[in-house]
């Protein structure tokens, strides 16, 4: 999901994020319109910062399927998370 707030003819603030089982992210930033105003021939360059997270608990998922007890299936939780810096371009034909 993304929210865009125009602050100038060529600058838009935006924020967005999403998540699900084992992942999530959020970001906010600027979209700068270098050429055009959104129609054909427009070049948009977004720059944003945010936070992302990935996690898994594979053994508990396997244990639930095989009906093993917690003692037979130790908890192994893995998480990777941290800040992000993003940029790119969007040219509209």
C-alpha atoms as a PDB file:
ATOM      1  CA  UNK A   1       0.000   0.000   0.000  1.00  0.00           C
ATOM      2  CA  UNK A   2       1.285   3.469  -0.821  1.00  0.00           C
ATOM      3  CA  UNK A   3       0.131   6.989  -0.005  1.00  0.00           C
ATOM      4  CA  UNK A   4       1.166   9.914  -2.244  1.00  0.00           C
ATOM      5  CA  UNK A   5       0.880  13.562  -1.164  1.00  0.00           C
ATOM      6  CA  UNK A   6       1.702  16.189  -3.820  1.00  0.00           C
ATOM      7  CA  UNK A   7       3.574  19.148  -2.306  1.00  0.00           C
ATOM      8  CA  UNK A   8       4.638  20.865  -5.531  1.00  0.00           C
ATOM      9  CA  UNK A   9       4.001  20.406  -9.225  1.00  0.00           C
ATOM     10  CA  UNK A  10       7.201  18.343  -9.495  1.00  0.00           C
ATOM     11  CA  UNK A  11       7.581  16.880  -5.966  1.00  0.00           C
ATOM     12  CA  UNK A  12       5.449  14.266  -4.201  1.00  0.00           C
ATOM     13  CA  UNK A  13       5.914  12.879  -0.687  1.00  0.00           C
ATOM     14  CA  UNK A  14       5.098   9.205  -0.389  1.00  0.00           C
ATOM     15  CA  UNK A  15       4.956   6.516   2.228  1.00  0.00           C
ATOM     16  CA  UNK A  16       4.121   2.866   2.014  1.00  0.00           C
ATOM     17  CA  UNK A  17       4.540  -0.537   3.475  1.00  0.00           C
ATOM     18  CA  UNK A  18       3.321  -4.069   3.550  1.00  0.00           C
ATOM     19  CA  UNK A  19       3.817  -7.267   5.449  1.00  0.00           C
ATOM     20  CA  UNK A  20       2.796 -10.816   5.872  1.00  0.00           C
ATOM     21  CA  UNK A  21       3.817 -14.057   7.518  1.00  0.00           C
ATOM     22  CA  UNK A  22       7.553 -13.639   8.068  1.00  0.00           C
ATOM     23  CA  UNK A  23       8.207 -10.344   6.306  1.00  0.00           C
ATOM     24  CA  UNK A  24       7.433  -6.657   6.504  1.00  0.00           C
ATOM     25  CA  UNK A  25       8.673  -3.326   5.248  1.00  0.00           C
ATOM     26  CA  UNK A  26       7.891   0.358   5.416  1.00  0.00           C
ATOM     27  CA  UNK A  27       9.330   3.335   3.575  1.00  0.00           C
ATOM     28  CA  UNK A  28       8.885   7.056   3.055  1.00  0.00           C
ATOM     29  CA  UNK A  29      10.487   9.464   0.632  1.00  0.00           C
ATOM     30  CA  UNK A  30      10.195  11.860  -2.298  1.00  0.00           C
ATOM     31  CA  UNK A  31       9.258  11.430  -5.938  1.00  0.00           C
ATOM     32  CA  UNK A  32      10.787  14.099  -8.170  1.00  0.00           C
ATOM     33  CA  UNK A  33       9.358  14.739 -11.636  1.00  0.00           C
ATOM     34  CA  UNK A  34      12.318  15.815 -13.814  1.00  0.00           C
ATOM     35  CA  UNK A  35      10.451  15.872 -17.140  1.00  0.00           C
ATOM     36  CA  UNK A  36       6.684  16.056 -17.530  1.00  0.00           C
ATOM     37  CA  UNK A  37       3.895  16.003 -14.970  1.00  0.00           C
ATOM     38  CA  UNK A  38       2.734  12.382 -15.104  1.00  0.00           C
ATOM     39  CA  UNK A  39       1.705  11.768 -18.690  1.00  0.00           C
ATOM     40  CA  UNK A  40       3.739  10.407 -21.617  1.00  0.00           C
ATOM     41  CA  UNK A  41       7.383  11.548 -21.557  1.00  0.00           C
ATOM     42  CA  UNK A  42       7.546  11.910 -17.762  1.00  0.00           C
ATOM     43  CA  UNK A  43      10.706  10.928 -15.866  1.00  0.00           C
ATOM     44  CA  UNK A  44      10.151  10.304 -12.140  1.00  0.00           C
ATOM     45  CA  UNK A  45      13.032   9.614  -9.713  1.00  0.00           C
ATOM     46  CA  UNK A  46      11.978   8.316  -6.280  1.00  0.00           C
ATOM     47  CA  UNK A  47      14.336   8.380  -3.289  1.00  0.00           C
ATOM     48  CA  UNK A  48      13.249   6.752  -0.030  1.00  0.00           C
ATOM     49  CA  UNK A  49      14.420   5.345   3.260  1.00  0.00           C
ATOM     50  CA  UNK A  50      12.784   2.632   5.302  1.00  0.00           C
ATOM     51  CA  UNK A  51      13.053  -0.528   7.353  1.00  0.00           C
ATOM     52  CA  UNK A  52      12.706  -4.167   6.279  1.00  0.00           C
ATOM     53  CA  UNK A  53      12.453  -7.419   8.185  1.00  0.00           C
ATOM     54  CA  UNK A  54      12.473 -11.108   7.240  1.00  0.00           C
ATOM     55  CA  UNK A  55      11.981 -13.910   9.726  1.00  0.00           C
ATOM     56  CA  UNK A  56      11.423 -17.630   9.723  1.00  0.00           C
ATOM     57  CA  UNK A  57      10.717 -20.387  12.178  1.00  0.00           C
ATOM     58  CA  UNK A  58      11.053 -23.388   9.890  1.00  0.00           C
ATOM     59  CA  UNK A  59      11.404 -26.102  12.516  1.00  0.00           C
ATOM     60  CA  UNK A  60       8.125 -25.253  14.225  1.00  0.00           C
ATOM     61  CA  UNK A  61       6.329 -25.409  10.860  1.00  0.00           C
ATOM     62  CA  UNK A  62       7.836 -28.844  10.214  1.00  0.00           C
ATOM     63  CA  UNK A  63       7.035 -29.960  13.772  1.00  0.00           C
ATOM     64  CA  UNK A  64       3.376 -28.968  13.391  1.00  0.00           C
ATOM     65  CA  UNK A  65       3.075 -31.163  10.288  1.00  0.00           C
ATOM     66  CA  UNK A  66       4.870 -34.179  11.797  1.00  0.00           C
ATOM     67  CA  UNK A  67       3.143 -33.820  15.229  1.00  0.00           C
ATOM     68  CA  UNK A  68       6.443 -33.880  17.148  1.00  0.00           C
ATOM     69  CA  UNK A  69       6.672 -32.475  20.669  1.00  0.00           C
ATOM     70  CA  UNK A  70       8.549 -29.238  21.485  1.00  0.00           C
ATOM     71  CA  UNK A  71      11.323 -31.270  23.147  1.00  0.00           C
ATOM     72  CA  UNK A  72      11.906 -33.151  19.894  1.00  0.00           C
ATOM     73  CA  UNK A  73      11.743 -29.969  17.840  1.00  0.00           C
ATOM     74  CA  UNK A  74      13.773 -27.081  19.328  1.00  0.00           C
ATOM     75  CA  UNK A  75      12.889 -23.529  18.398  1.00  0.00           C
ATOM     76  CA  UNK A  76      15.188 -22.084  15.712  1.00  0.00           C
ATOM     77  CA  UNK A  77      14.090 -18.553  14.961  1.00  0.00           C
ATOM     78  CA  UNK A  78      15.978 -16.585  12.308  1.00  0.00           C
ATOM     79  CA  UNK A  79      15.463 -12.862  11.738  1.00  0.00           C
ATOM     80  CA  UNK A  80      17.179 -10.431   9.395  1.00  0.00           C
ATOM     81  CA  UNK A  81      16.201  -6.784   9.634  1.00  0.00           C
ATOM     82  CA  UNK A  82      17.593  -3.327   9.125  1.00  0.00           C
ATOM     83  CA  UNK A  83      17.338   0.045   7.449  1.00  0.00           C
ATOM     84  CA  UNK A  84      17.084   0.486   3.704  1.00  0.00           C
ATOM     85  CA  UNK A  85      17.853   3.262   1.219  1.00  0.00           C
ATOM     86  CA  UNK A  86      16.139   3.043  -2.172  1.00  0.00           C
ATOM     87  CA  UNK A  87      16.252   4.912  -5.465  1.00  0.00           C
ATOM     88  CA  UNK A  88      15.249   4.247  -9.038  1.00  0.00           C
ATOM     89  CA  UNK A  89      13.538   5.810 -12.025  1.00  0.00           C
ATOM     90  CA  UNK A  90      10.211   5.604 -13.814  1.00  0.00           C
ATOM     91  CA  UNK A  91       9.959   6.758 -17.410  1.00  0.00           C
ATOM     92  CA  UNK A  92       6.460   6.858 -18.851  1.00  0.00           C
ATOM     93  CA  UNK A  93       6.232   6.183 -22.585  1.00  0.00           C
END
